[in-house]
Amino acid sequence: MKNSERIERYVLSDLARGRARGTIGPNDDLIEAGILDSLSIVHLIRYLEQAFDIEVRDEDIVPESFRTLAGIDALVERLTARTRVA
């Protein structure tokens, strides 16, 4: 399963309860849609760190990285690459 699919599955099952798969596009604004708020971003970060064996540092926590599924996927890709290099 691709990272993007794992992220979408988590967001739909744990953060956007009641939404069907495919109802959130990769570039839909999750914050504006009310799916993500400050508390759910904390839960999402915890999930990402555990699921992808990455560390999300304070400087990684910027709105652009969490606004869309595509942004979250890009963040995971960057942090995975950073982890491999370290």
Protein backbone atom coordinates (compact mmCIF):
# COMPACT_ATOMS: atom_id res chain seq x y z
CA MET A 1 0.00 0.00 0.00
CA LYS A 2 1.35 3.44 -0.93
CA ASN A 3 2.06 6.04 1.73
CA SER A 4 -0.67 8.28 0.32
CA GLU A 5 -3.23 5.49 0.69
CA ARG A 6 -2.20 4.81 4.28
CA ILE A 7 -2.46 8.51 5.11
CA GLU A 8 -5.87 8.84 3.45
CA ARG A 9 -7.14 5.75 5.26
CA TYR A 10 -6.04 7.13 8.64
CA VAL A 11 -7.51 10.58 8.00
CA LEU A 12 -10.83 9.09 6.91
CA SER A 13 -11.09 6.50 9.67
CA ASP A 14 -9.78 8.48 12.62
CA LEU A 15 -10.12 12.18 11.83
CA ALA A 16 -12.93 12.57 9.27
CA ARG A 17 -15.38 10.04 10.61
CA GLY A 18 -18.39 9.55 8.43
CA ARG A 19 -16.68 10.45 5.16
CA ALA A 20 -16.44 7.83 2.46
CA ARG A 21 -13.20 6.97 0.71
CA GLY A 22 -12.68 9.16 -2.33
CA THR A 23 -14.63 12.10 -0.88
CA ILE A 24 -11.45 13.94 0.04
CA GLY A 25 -9.18 14.76 -2.88
CA PRO A 26 -5.40 15.01 -2.56
CA ASN A 27 -5.53 18.80 -2.78
CA ASP A 28 -8.66 19.46 -0.70
CA ASP A 29 -8.04 21.82 2.22
CA LEU A 30 -8.41 19.65 5.33
CA ILE A 31 -8.18 22.58 7.73
CA GLU A 32 -10.77 24.67 5.91
CA ALA A 33 -13.08 21.63 5.67
CA GLY A 34 -12.93 21.25 9.45
CA ILE A 35 -11.27 17.84 9.27
CA LEU A 36 -8.03 19.00 10.89
CA ASP A 37 -7.65 21.30 13.86
CA SER A 38 -4.76 21.74 16.28
CA LEU A 39 -5.61 18.65 18.34
CA SER A 40 -6.16 16.40 15.33
CA ILE A 41 -2.84 17.57 13.87
CA VAL A 42 -1.14 16.37 17.07
CA HIS A 43 -2.84 12.97 16.65
CA LEU A 44 -1.85 12.89 12.98
CA ILE A 45 1.78 13.65 13.80
CA ARG A 46 1.83 10.82 16.34
CA TYR A 47 0.36 8.45 13.74
CA LEU A 48 2.87 9.52 11.07
CA GLU A 49 5.82 9.04 13.41
CA GLN A 50 4.70 5.56 14.40
CA ALA A 51 3.44 4.36 11.03
CA PHE A 52 6.37 5.60 8.94
CA ASP A 53 9.16 5.47 11.57
CA ILE A 54 9.96 9.16 11.16
CA GLU A 55 10.50 12.11 13.49
CA VAL A 56 8.44 15.24 12.94
CA ARG A 57 10.44 18.14 14.37
CA ASP A 58 9.02 21.49 15.42
CA GLU A 59 10.34 23.13 12.25
CA ASP A 60 8.42 20.57 10.15
CA ILE A 61 5.09 21.66 11.63
CA VAL A 62 3.90 24.29 9.18
CA PRO A 63 0.36 24.69 7.80
CA GLU A 64 1.41 23.88 4.23
CA SER A 65 2.53 20.41 5.31
CA PHE A 66 -0.83 19.52 6.86
CA ARG A 67 -3.35 21.44 4.78
CA THR A 68 -3.89 18.68 2.19
CA LEU A 69 -3.38 14.93 1.81
CA ALA A 70 -0.78 15.72 -0.87
CA GLY A 71 1.05 18.01 1.55
CA ILE A 72 1.07 15.34 4.26
CA ASP A 73 2.32 12.76 1.76
CA ALA A 74 5.11 15.13 0.65
CA LEU A 75 6.07 15.70 4.30
CA VAL A 76 6.31 11.95 4.90
CA GLU A 77 8.46 11.54 1.78
CA ARG A 78 10.83 14.34 2.91
CA LEU A 79 11.11 12.99 6.44
CA THR A 80 11.59 9.42 5.24
CA ALA A 81 14.45 10.59 3.02
CA ARG A 82 15.93 12.58 5.92
CA THR A 83 15.75 9.51 8.16
CA ARG A 84 17.53 7.37 5.55
CA VAL A 85 20.37 9.90 5.26
CA ALA A 86 20.87 10.27 9.02
